[in-house]
Amino acid sequence: MHSCGHSSRGITREDYAATVQKVLEDKMLHSSEEVARKNSHAASRAFGRRFNVKLNRLLAEMLDLDELFVFPAMGGDGLPVGGALAWLLQRDGLARWLDQRRDLGSIYLGRDFSAATGTEIGRSPGVGRLPDPPIDGTAARLKAGKIDAIYTHRMEFGPRALGARTILANPTQRETHDLLNVRLERSEFMPFAPVIQREKASEVFDVTNVNRRACRYMTIARDVLPEWRARIPGVVHVDHSARPQIIDRPDNPLYYDISARLSARPAF
């Protein structure tokens, strides 16, 4: 996708995208209203269109729900889980199925290469070991505008980088966002996402009980509060929203402590 340009009919790519988005939102809102009428307590959905965090935000705001949950592996990789849940629903009935629900917790369910990672990476040309502690060193480099990364323990289940295989950068610097997009061969149309500690999330983002669980897995867009928009331009979308990840320390102490060390600023 090019940074700018018009079609032969004079329609911009932004107009195309907005039109497709509007049609998608209208269709999905109508079908989701049917689901919500059958179960007004909560709705849980998973399929490819759930990658669309703007759509998920609309559904959370327009449907009369206590909570909207988007399964973190919302594409084809999550279908085996959905199949198992559908079988349990058929076997046990809706009342027991709902009664047996549990919090999903962290989704670090992939392979764990931690024991061998340091050794293997250390064999790569041009790679060396830094003397500073991981948390202090990472926080200092991020504050200085450098780019860091986390590779630790089990990999995340699903498409989102949630602190096990994650590139980190300073959200206060828009130029870092642009540099990352160039180096990763991404379009500028693809913003990065902020991460923040649970206890501070509502100070920066419009987090509510309806969307809080979805924010844990970076599957919904939320407004960045006005006083923060200019402070973290690297993660703010054109409509003043962001795709936050809320973290708890027990899930990933390294990731959490790096975020906490950045003086209440979200990382991304």
Protein backbone atom coordinates (compact mmCIF):
# COMPACT_ATOMS: atom_id res chain seq x y z
CA MET A 1 0.00 0.00 0.00
CA HIS A 2 1.47 3.34 -1.01
CA SER A 3 1.62 6.31 1.35
CA CYS A 4 -0.72 8.35 -0.82
CA GLY A 5 -2.54 8.24 -4.10
CA HIS A 6 -5.89 8.14 -5.85
CA SER A 7 -7.61 5.56 -8.00
CA SER A 8 -8.47 6.20 -11.62
CA ARG A 9 -11.89 7.36 -10.43
CA GLY A 10 -10.43 9.91 -8.05
CA ILE A 11 -11.35 7.94 -4.92
CA THR A 12 -8.69 7.87 -2.24
CA ARG A 13 -7.64 4.71 -0.48
CA GLU A 14 -8.91 6.29 2.74
CA ASP A 15 -12.39 6.60 1.20
CA TYR A 16 -12.25 3.00 0.03
CA ALA A 17 -11.20 1.82 3.50
CA ALA A 18 -13.87 3.89 5.24
CA THR A 19 -16.57 2.53 2.93
CA VAL A 20 -15.61 -1.09 3.47
CA GLN A 21 -15.34 -0.49 7.21
CA LYS A 22 -18.83 1.07 7.35
CA VAL A 23 -20.43 -1.82 5.45
CA LEU A 24 -18.66 -4.33 7.70
CA GLU A 25 -19.74 -2.52 10.85
CA ASP A 26 -23.38 -2.32 9.74
CA LYS A 27 -23.55 -6.01 8.83
CA MET A 28 -21.76 -7.22 11.94
CA LEU A 29 -23.75 -5.00 14.28
CA HIS A 30 -26.99 -6.41 12.90
CA SER A 31 -25.88 -10.05 13.28
CA SER A 32 -24.40 -9.42 16.74
CA GLU A 33 -27.63 -7.87 17.94
CA GLU A 34 -29.27 -11.24 17.30
CA VAL A 35 -26.62 -12.98 19.41
CA ALA A 36 -26.95 -10.41 22.20
CA ARG A 37 -30.71 -10.86 22.36
CA LYS A 38 -30.20 -14.55 23.12
CA ASN A 39 -27.65 -13.86 25.85
CA SER A 40 -27.72 -10.34 27.26
CA HIS A 41 -25.00 -11.02 29.82
CA ALA A 42 -22.00 -11.30 27.55
CA ALA A 43 -20.94 -12.07 24.02
CA SER A 44 -17.85 -13.94 22.96
CA ARG A 45 -16.95 -14.11 19.28
CA ALA A 46 -13.99 -15.37 17.27
CA PHE A 47 -13.37 -15.34 13.52
CA GLY A 48 -11.16 -13.39 11.13
CA ARG A 49 -13.18 -10.18 11.23
CA ARG A 50 -12.44 -9.96 14.94
CA PHE A 51 -8.98 -8.75 13.98
CA ASN A 52 -10.78 -5.45 13.33
CA VAL A 53 -10.39 -3.62 16.65
CA LYS A 54 -12.51 -0.70 15.47
CA LEU A 55 -15.39 -3.08 14.78
CA ASN A 56 -14.95 -4.69 18.19
CA ARG A 57 -15.11 -1.26 19.80
CA LEU A 58 -18.36 -0.43 18.00
CA LEU A 59 -19.97 -3.68 19.15
CA ALA A 60 -18.90 -3.11 22.75
CA GLU A 61 -20.44 0.38 22.70
CA MET A 62 -23.61 -0.33 20.74
CA LEU A 63 -24.72 -3.68 22.16
CA ASP A 64 -26.43 -3.86 25.54
CA LEU A 65 -23.84 -6.13 27.16
CA ASP A 66 -22.14 -6.49 30.49
CA GLU A 67 -19.01 -7.51 28.62
CA LEU A 68 -17.64 -8.15 25.13
CA PHE A 69 -14.85 -10.73 24.96
CA VAL A 70 -12.83 -11.40 21.82
CA PHE A 71 -10.91 -14.66 21.91
CA PRO A 72 -7.19 -13.78 21.54
CA ALA A 73 -6.65 -16.33 18.76
CA MET A 74 -9.51 -14.86 16.76
CA GLY A 75 -8.55 -16.39 13.42
CA GLY A 76 -8.39 -19.96 12.21
CA ASP A 77 -5.89 -20.88 14.93
CA GLY A 78 -8.64 -20.45 17.53
CA LEU A 79 -11.17 -22.72 15.83
CA PRO A 80 -10.05 -25.90 17.68
CA VAL A 81 -10.88 -24.17 20.96
CA GLY A 82 -14.24 -23.09 19.57
CA GLY A 83 -14.93 -26.64 18.44
CA ALA A 84 -14.27 -28.00 21.92
CA LEU A 85 -16.50 -25.35 23.49
CA ALA A 86 -19.27 -26.09 21.00
CA TRP A 87 -19.06 -29.80 21.88
CA LEU A 88 -19.29 -29.01 25.61
CA LEU A 89 -22.28 -26.76 24.95
CA GLN A 90 -24.03 -29.53 23.05
CA ARG A 91 -23.22 -32.09 25.74
CA ASP A 92 -24.01 -30.07 28.87
CA GLY A 93 -26.56 -27.47 27.79
CA LEU A 94 -26.33 -23.69 28.03
CA ALA A 95 -26.96 -23.29 31.78
CA ARG A 96 -24.12 -25.59 32.84
CA TRP A 97 -21.89 -24.34 30.02
CA LEU A 98 -22.19 -20.79 31.31
CA ASP A 99 -21.77 -21.86 34.94
CA GLN A 100 -18.50 -23.65 34.17
CA ARG A 101 -16.81 -20.68 32.51
CA ARG A 102 -13.42 -19.64 33.88
CA ASP A 103 -11.12 -16.69 33.29
CA LEU A 104 -8.83 -17.43 30.36
CA GLY A 105 -5.76 -16.05 32.11
CA SER A 106 -2.52 -15.48 30.26
CA ILE A 107 -2.18 -17.07 26.84
CA TYR A 108 1.52 -17.92 26.84
CA LEU A 109 0.80 -21.39 25.53
CA GLY A 110 3.36 -21.82 22.74
CA ARG A 111 6.83 -23.38 22.67
CA ASP A 112 9.36 -22.29 25.30
CA PHE A 113 12.89 -21.89 23.93
CA SER A 114 14.21 -19.79 26.82
CA ALA A 115 16.88 -22.24 27.95
CA ALA A 116 18.61 -22.22 24.57
CA THR A 117 17.76 -18.73 23.32
CA GLY A 118 20.65 -16.83 24.89
CA THR A 119 23.22 -19.33 23.70
CA GLU A 120 21.92 -19.47 20.14
CA ILE A 121 21.54 -15.71 19.75
CA GLY A 122 24.99 -15.19 21.24
CA ARG A 123 26.49 -17.17 18.38
CA SER A 124 25.16 -14.70 15.81
CA PRO A 125 27.71 -12.28 14.28
CA GLY A 126 27.58 -8.80 15.77
CA VAL A 127 25.60 -9.85 18.84
CA GLY A 128 27.00 -9.31 22.32
CA ARG A 129 25.80 -9.42 25.91
CA LEU A 130 25.12 -6.12 27.68
CA PRO A 131 26.26 -5.74 31.29
CA ASP A 132 23.21 -3.88 32.65
CA PRO A 133 20.23 -5.67 34.26
CA PRO A 134 17.45 -6.42 31.74
CA ILE A 135 14.77 -4.21 33.33
CA ASP A 136 16.99 -1.20 34.07
CA GLY A 137 18.82 -1.42 30.75
CA THR A 138 15.66 -1.80 28.68
CA ALA A 139 13.91 1.11 30.42
CA ALA A 140 16.95 3.35 29.93
CA ARG A 141 17.25 2.49 26.25
CA LEU A 142 13.54 3.05 25.63
CA LYS A 143 13.66 6.44 27.33
CA ALA A 144 16.58 7.31 25.06
CA GLY A 145 14.51 6.49 21.99
CA LYS A 146 16.14 3.17 21.16
CA ILE A 147 14.36 -0.03 20.15
CA ASP A 148 14.38 -3.14 22.32
CA ALA A 149 12.66 -6.51 22.29
CA ILE A 150 11.50 -9.26 24.64
CA TYR A 151 11.96 -12.95 23.92
CA THR A 152 11.01 -14.92 26.99
CA HIS A 153 9.34 -18.17 28.04
CA ARG A 154 6.34 -19.52 26.11
CA MET A 155 5.13 -17.79 22.95
CA GLU A 156 1.72 -16.11 22.81
CA PHE A 157 -1.23 -18.07 21.40
CA GLY A 158 -2.75 -15.99 18.62
CA PRO A 159 -1.53 -13.14 16.40
CA ARG A 160 -0.85 -10.45 19.02
CA ALA A 161 2.60 -9.81 20.49
CA LEU A 162 1.75 -9.72 24.20
CA GLY A 163 5.10 -9.59 25.91
CA ALA A 164 6.69 -12.94 25.09
CA ARG A 165 7.84 -12.12 21.54
CA THR A 166 7.51 -8.34 21.46
CA ILE A 167 9.35 -5.35 19.99
CA LEU A 168 9.45 -2.42 22.41
CA ALA A 169 9.80 1.28 21.65
CA ASN A 170 9.05 4.65 23.22
CA PRO A 171 5.50 5.84 22.37
CA THR A 172 6.35 9.47 23.12
CA GLN A 173 8.35 9.68 19.89
CA ARG A 174 6.42 9.51 16.63
CA GLU A 175 9.62 9.16 14.63
CA THR A 176 10.29 5.80 16.31
CA HIS A 177 6.90 4.57 15.08
CA ASP A 178 7.78 5.60 11.53
CA LEU A 179 11.24 4.01 11.73
CA LEU A 180 9.78 0.70 12.92
CA ASN A 181 7.26 0.63 10.10
CA VAL A 182 10.04 1.13 7.57
CA ARG A 183 12.29 -1.53 9.10
CA LEU A 184 9.44 -4.02 9.42
CA GLU A 185 8.15 -3.20 5.91
CA ARG A 186 4.77 -2.16 7.27
CA SER A 187 2.49 0.59 5.97
CA GLU A 188 2.13 3.78 7.99
CA PHE A 189 -1.54 2.80 8.01
CA MET A 190 -0.60 0.12 10.58
CA PRO A 191 -0.18 1.71 14.03
CA PHE A 192 1.56 0.06 16.95
CA ALA A 193 -0.11 -0.76 20.25
CA PRO A 194 0.58 0.48 23.80
CA VAL A 195 1.04 -1.68 26.90
CA ILE A 196 0.22 -0.44 30.39
CA GLN A 197 -0.18 -1.79 33.92
CA ARG A 198 -3.73 -2.65 34.94
CA GLU A 199 -3.84 -0.22 37.83
CA LYS A 200 -2.93 2.72 35.56
CA ALA A 201 -4.92 1.81 32.46
CA SER A 202 -7.96 3.97 33.24
CA GLU A 203 -5.71 7.01 33.68
CA VAL A 204 -4.68 6.86 30.03
CA PHE A 205 -7.40 5.00 28.12
CA ASP A 206 -11.19 4.80 28.14
CA VAL A 207 -11.32 1.41 29.84
CA THR A 208 -14.62 0.11 31.22
CA ASN A 209 -15.94 -3.16 32.61
CA VAL A 210 -17.39 -3.93 29.19
CA ASN A 211 -14.06 -3.79 27.37
CA ARG A 212 -11.46 -4.39 30.11
CA ARG A 213 -11.01 -8.12 29.46
CA ALA A 214 -10.64 -7.54 25.71
CA CYS A 215 -7.98 -4.93 26.47
CA ARG A 216 -5.98 -7.60 28.26
CA TYR A 217 -5.43 -9.33 24.93
CA MET A 218 -5.12 -6.24 22.69
CA THR A 219 -8.28 -7.05 20.74
CA ILE A 220 -10.25 -3.79 20.97
CA ALA A 221 -9.70 -0.10 20.26
CA ARG A 222 -10.25 2.43 23.05
CA ASP A 223 -10.07 6.21 23.21
CA VAL A 224 -6.85 7.74 24.45
CA LEU A 225 -7.86 10.33 27.04
CA PRO A 226 -7.35 13.90 25.77
CA GLU A 227 -4.55 14.79 28.17
CA TRP A 228 -2.47 11.84 26.90
CA ARG A 229 -2.90 12.10 23.13
CA ALA A 230 -0.03 14.47 22.52
CA ARG A 231 2.17 12.65 25.03
CA ILE A 232 2.12 9.25 23.28
CA PRO A 233 1.80 10.05 19.55
CA GLY A 234 3.50 6.80 18.55
CA VAL A 235 0.38 4.76 19.41
CA VAL A 236 -2.54 7.14 18.81
CA HIS A 237 -4.71 6.48 15.74
CA VAL A 238 -6.15 9.27 13.61
CA ASP A 239 -9.46 9.00 15.52
CA HIS A 240 -7.64 9.42 18.88
CA SER A 241 -7.99 5.74 19.76
CA ALA A 242 -5.39 3.08 20.49
CA ARG A 243 -5.26 -0.71 20.81
CA PRO A 244 -4.02 -1.11 24.40
CA GLN A 245 -2.77 -4.16 26.21
CA ILE A 246 -3.42 -4.17 29.94
CA ILE A 247 -0.99 -6.34 31.90
CA ASP A 248 -0.86 -7.86 35.38
CA ARG A 249 2.49 -8.57 36.97
CA PRO A 250 1.89 -12.30 37.72
CA ASP A 251 1.36 -12.97 34.00
CA ASN A 252 4.72 -11.56 32.89
CA PRO A 253 6.90 -9.92 35.60
CA LEU A 254 9.63 -8.85 33.16
CA TYR A 255 7.21 -7.13 30.79
CA TYR A 256 5.29 -5.52 33.65
CA ASP A 257 8.38 -4.22 35.44
CA ILE A 258 9.78 -2.65 32.28
CA SER A 259 6.48 -0.81 31.79
CA ALA A 260 6.44 0.26 35.44
CA ARG A 261 10.01 1.55 35.24
CA LEU A 262 9.04 3.94 32.44
CA SER A 263 7.55 6.40 34.93
CA ALA A 264 3.87 5.59 34.19
CA ARG A 265 4.35 6.02 30.43
CA PRO A 266 2.90 3.24 28.32
CA ALA A 267 5.38 1.38 26.12
CA PHE A 268 4.57 -0.18 22.76
